[in-house]
Amino acid sequence: MDYQRSDRVGDLLVELIAELLRKEIRDPRVGPVTITAAKVSKDLRHARIYFNLFGGRENKKEVLAGLASATGFIRSRIGKQLKLRFVPTIEFFYDETQDEAQRIEDLLKQVKQ
């Protein structure tokens, strides 16, 4: 498999954004967030950042609002740290994989009984 530059930039974005959320972003809405993945377009201009929440998805909309309000700050920090020609636009998305895995596991348990 070919490891693209966009994949490497995505990996760096995951690390950087997780670090920023942990150390510098003080928005109370963005407390229990884990950055799970980043999908960066081939031209490095757009990034979809996927996140998950500790303790379920109840306050998903609130967390999304907090992340959206921090996007400008996050982009400026990324611009300073990564020497890219263009800082990608950032969109946050809730990562459904954990919820899906739990749902499948629950279904399998039901079938077993």
C-alpha atoms as a PDB file:
ATOM      1  CA  MET A   1       0.000   0.000   0.000  1.00  0.00           C
ATOM      2  CA  ASP A   2       1.190   3.489  -0.830  1.00  0.00           C
ATOM      3  CA  TYR A   3       1.648   5.785   2.149  1.00  0.00           C
ATOM      4  CA  GLN A   4       0.632   9.220   0.863  1.00  0.00           C
ATOM      5  CA  ARG A   5       1.808  12.609   2.076  1.00  0.00           C
ATOM      6  CA  SER A   6      -1.808  13.355   3.025  1.00  0.00           C
ATOM      7  CA  ASP A   7      -1.699  10.331   5.382  1.00  0.00           C
ATOM      8  CA  ARG A   8       1.439  11.644   7.075  1.00  0.00           C
ATOM      9  CA  VAL A   9      -0.081  15.108   7.437  1.00  0.00           C
ATOM     10  CA  GLY A  10      -3.225  13.454   8.851  1.00  0.00           C
ATOM     11  CA  ASP A  11      -1.169  11.602  11.459  1.00  0.00           C
ATOM     12  CA  LEU A  12       0.535  14.847  12.450  1.00  0.00           C
ATOM     13  CA  LEU A  13      -2.827  16.610  12.686  1.00  0.00           C
ATOM     14  CA  VAL A  14      -4.170  13.928  15.034  1.00  0.00           C
ATOM     15  CA  GLU A  15      -1.152  14.355  17.321  1.00  0.00           C
ATOM     16  CA  LEU A  16      -1.180  18.150  17.214  1.00  0.00           C
ATOM     17  CA  ILE A  17      -4.913  18.586  17.739  1.00  0.00           C
ATOM     18  CA  ALA A  18      -4.977  16.045  20.585  1.00  0.00           C
ATOM     19  CA  GLU A  19      -2.119  17.954  22.224  1.00  0.00           C
ATOM     20  CA  LEU A  20      -3.869  21.312  21.762  1.00  0.00           C
ATOM     21  CA  LEU A  21      -7.117  19.966  23.201  1.00  0.00           C
ATOM     22  CA  ARG A  22      -5.295  18.554  26.190  1.00  0.00           C
ATOM     23  CA  LYS A  23      -3.073  21.529  26.974  1.00  0.00           C
ATOM     24  CA  GLU A  24      -4.370  24.770  25.498  1.00  0.00           C
ATOM     25  CA  ILE A  25      -8.089  24.729  24.793  1.00  0.00           C
ATOM     26  CA  ARG A  26     -10.005  25.721  27.895  1.00  0.00           C
ATOM     27  CA  ASP A  27     -13.545  25.472  26.501  1.00  0.00           C
ATOM     28  CA  PRO A  28     -15.548  23.430  29.048  1.00  0.00           C
ATOM     29  CA  ARG A  29     -17.635  21.882  26.242  1.00  0.00           C
ATOM     30  CA  VAL A  30     -14.512  20.167  24.870  1.00  0.00           C
ATOM     31  CA  GLY A  31     -13.556  18.159  27.937  1.00  0.00           C
ATOM     32  CA  PRO A  32     -13.684  14.424  27.361  1.00  0.00           C
ATOM     33  CA  VAL A  33     -12.623  14.215  23.695  1.00  0.00           C
ATOM     34  CA  THR A  34     -10.323  11.742  21.961  1.00  0.00           C
ATOM     35  CA  ILE A  35      -9.136  12.468  18.434  1.00  0.00           C
ATOM     36  CA  THR A  36      -9.377   9.140  16.610  1.00  0.00           C
ATOM     37  CA  ALA A  37      -8.448   9.910  13.000  1.00  0.00           C
ATOM     38  CA  ALA A  38      -7.853  12.539  10.341  1.00  0.00           C
ATOM     39  CA  LYS A  39      -8.648  12.226   6.667  1.00  0.00           C
ATOM     40  CA  VAL A  40      -6.772  14.816   4.620  1.00  0.00           C
ATOM     41  CA  SER A  41      -7.509  15.529   0.970  1.00  0.00           C
ATOM     42  CA  LYS A  42      -4.754  14.782  -1.548  1.00  0.00           C
ATOM     43  CA  ASP A  43      -4.146  18.514  -2.108  1.00  0.00           C
ATOM     44  CA  LEU A  44      -3.808  18.993   1.698  1.00  0.00           C
ATOM     45  CA  ARG A  45      -6.433  21.752   1.725  1.00  0.00           C
ATOM     46  CA  HIS A  46      -9.200  19.997   3.669  1.00  0.00           C
ATOM     47  CA  ALA A  47      -9.093  17.820   6.766  1.00  0.00           C
ATOM     48  CA  ARG A  48     -11.864  15.829   8.404  1.00  0.00           C
ATOM     49  CA  ILE A  49     -10.991  15.254  12.040  1.00  0.00           C
ATOM     50  CA  TYR A  50     -12.828  12.417  13.769  1.00  0.00           C
ATOM     51  CA  PHE A  51     -13.363  12.384  17.517  1.00  0.00           C
ATOM     52  CA  ASN A  52     -14.888  10.179  20.158  1.00  0.00           C
ATOM     53  CA  LEU A  53     -16.228  10.980  23.621  1.00  0.00           C
ATOM     54  CA  PHE A  54     -15.484   9.378  26.962  1.00  0.00           C
ATOM     55  CA  GLY A  55     -18.668   8.169  28.596  1.00  0.00           C
ATOM     56  CA  GLY A  56     -20.984   8.033  25.617  1.00  0.00           C
ATOM     57  CA  ARG A  57     -22.426  10.386  23.056  1.00  0.00           C
ATOM     58  CA  GLU A  58     -24.993  12.337  25.079  1.00  0.00           C
ATOM     59  CA  ASN A  59     -23.333  15.741  24.707  1.00  0.00           C
ATOM     60  CA  LYS A  60     -22.123  15.211  21.144  1.00  0.00           C
ATOM     61  CA  LYS A  61     -23.732  18.405  19.772  1.00  0.00           C
ATOM     62  CA  GLU A  62     -22.281  20.497  22.585  1.00  0.00           C
ATOM     63  CA  VAL A  63     -18.777  19.101  22.015  1.00  0.00           C
ATOM     64  CA  LEU A  64     -19.097  19.697  18.258  1.00  0.00           C
ATOM     65  CA  ALA A  65     -20.031  23.332  18.952  1.00  0.00           C
ATOM     66  CA  GLY A  66     -16.993  23.712  21.223  1.00  0.00           C
ATOM     67  CA  LEU A  67     -14.673  22.169  18.635  1.00  0.00           C
ATOM     68  CA  ALA A  68     -16.138  24.361  15.899  1.00  0.00           C
ATOM     69  CA  SER A  69     -15.515  27.489  17.958  1.00  0.00           C
ATOM     70  CA  ALA A  70     -11.890  26.422  18.543  1.00  0.00           C
ATOM     71  CA  THR A  71     -11.228  25.696  14.860  1.00  0.00           C
ATOM     72  CA  GLY A  72      -9.649  29.091  14.107  1.00  0.00           C
ATOM     73  CA  PHE A  73      -7.261  28.781  17.032  1.00  0.00           C
ATOM     74  CA  ILE A  74      -6.395  25.194  16.079  1.00  0.00           C
ATOM     75  CA  ARG A  75      -5.715  26.186  12.451  1.00  0.00           C
ATOM     76  CA  SER A  76      -3.436  29.054  13.497  1.00  0.00           C
ATOM     77  CA  ARG A  77      -1.438  26.727  15.759  1.00  0.00           C
ATOM     78  CA  ILE A  78      -1.189  24.093  13.028  1.00  0.00           C
ATOM     79  CA  GLY A  79       0.036  26.791  10.629  1.00  0.00           C
ATOM     80  CA  LYS A  80       2.821  27.728  13.038  1.00  0.00           C
ATOM     81  CA  GLN A  81       3.887  24.141  13.776  1.00  0.00           C
ATOM     82  CA  LEU A  82       3.604  22.484  10.367  1.00  0.00           C
ATOM     83  CA  LYS A  83       5.379  24.345   7.623  1.00  0.00           C
ATOM     84  CA  LEU A  84       2.698  23.780   4.987  1.00  0.00           C
ATOM     85  CA  ARG A  85       1.930  26.058   2.077  1.00  0.00           C
ATOM     86  CA  PHE A  86      -1.772  25.902   2.961  1.00  0.00           C
ATOM     87  CA  VAL A  87      -3.225  25.170   6.372  1.00  0.00           C
ATOM     88  CA  PRO A  88      -6.091  22.746   5.732  1.00  0.00           C
ATOM     89  CA  THR A  89      -9.642  23.735   6.538  1.00  0.00           C
ATOM     90  CA  ILE A  90     -10.778  21.652   9.476  1.00  0.00           C
ATOM     91  CA  GLU A  91     -14.120  19.980  10.019  1.00  0.00           C
ATOM     92  CA  PHE A  92     -14.902  17.852  13.042  1.00  0.00           C
ATOM     93  CA  PHE A  93     -17.013  14.699  12.841  1.00  0.00           C
ATOM     94  CA  TYR A  94     -18.169  12.307  15.532  1.00  0.00           C
ATOM     95  CA  ASP A  95     -16.529   8.894  15.033  1.00  0.00           C
ATOM     96  CA  GLU A  96     -19.316   6.309  14.929  1.00  0.00           C
ATOM     97  CA  THR A  97     -17.054   3.221  14.868  1.00  0.00           C
ATOM     98  CA  GLN A  98     -17.063   2.652  18.616  1.00  0.00           C
ATOM     99  CA  ASP A  99     -20.862   2.943  18.788  1.00  0.00           C
ATOM    100  CA  GLU A 100     -21.213   0.580  15.824  1.00  0.00           C
ATOM    101  CA  ALA A 101     -18.863  -1.968  17.422  1.00  0.00           C
ATOM    102  CA  GLN A 102     -20.843  -1.823  20.670  1.00  0.00           C
ATOM    103  CA  ARG A 103     -24.135  -2.294  18.801  1.00  0.00           C
ATOM    104  CA  ILE A 104     -22.755  -5.345  16.953  1.00  0.00           C
ATOM    105  CA  GLU A 105     -21.399  -6.793  20.185  1.00  0.00           C
ATOM    106  CA  ASP A 106     -24.797  -6.364  21.843  1.00  0.00           C
ATOM    107  CA  LEU A 107     -26.494  -8.081  18.895  1.00  0.00           C
ATOM    108  CA  LEU A 108     -24.047 -10.990  19.086  1.00  0.00           C
ATOM    109  CA  LYS A 109     -24.735 -11.367  22.813  1.00  0.00           C
ATOM    110  CA  GLN A 110     -28.472 -11.511  22.094  1.00  0.00           C
ATOM    111  CA  VAL A 111     -27.940 -14.201  19.469  1.00  0.00           C
ATOM    112  CA  LYS A 112     -25.841 -16.279  21.888  1.00  0.00           C
ATOM    113  CA  GLN A 113     -28.605 -16.318  24.518  1.00  0.00           C
END
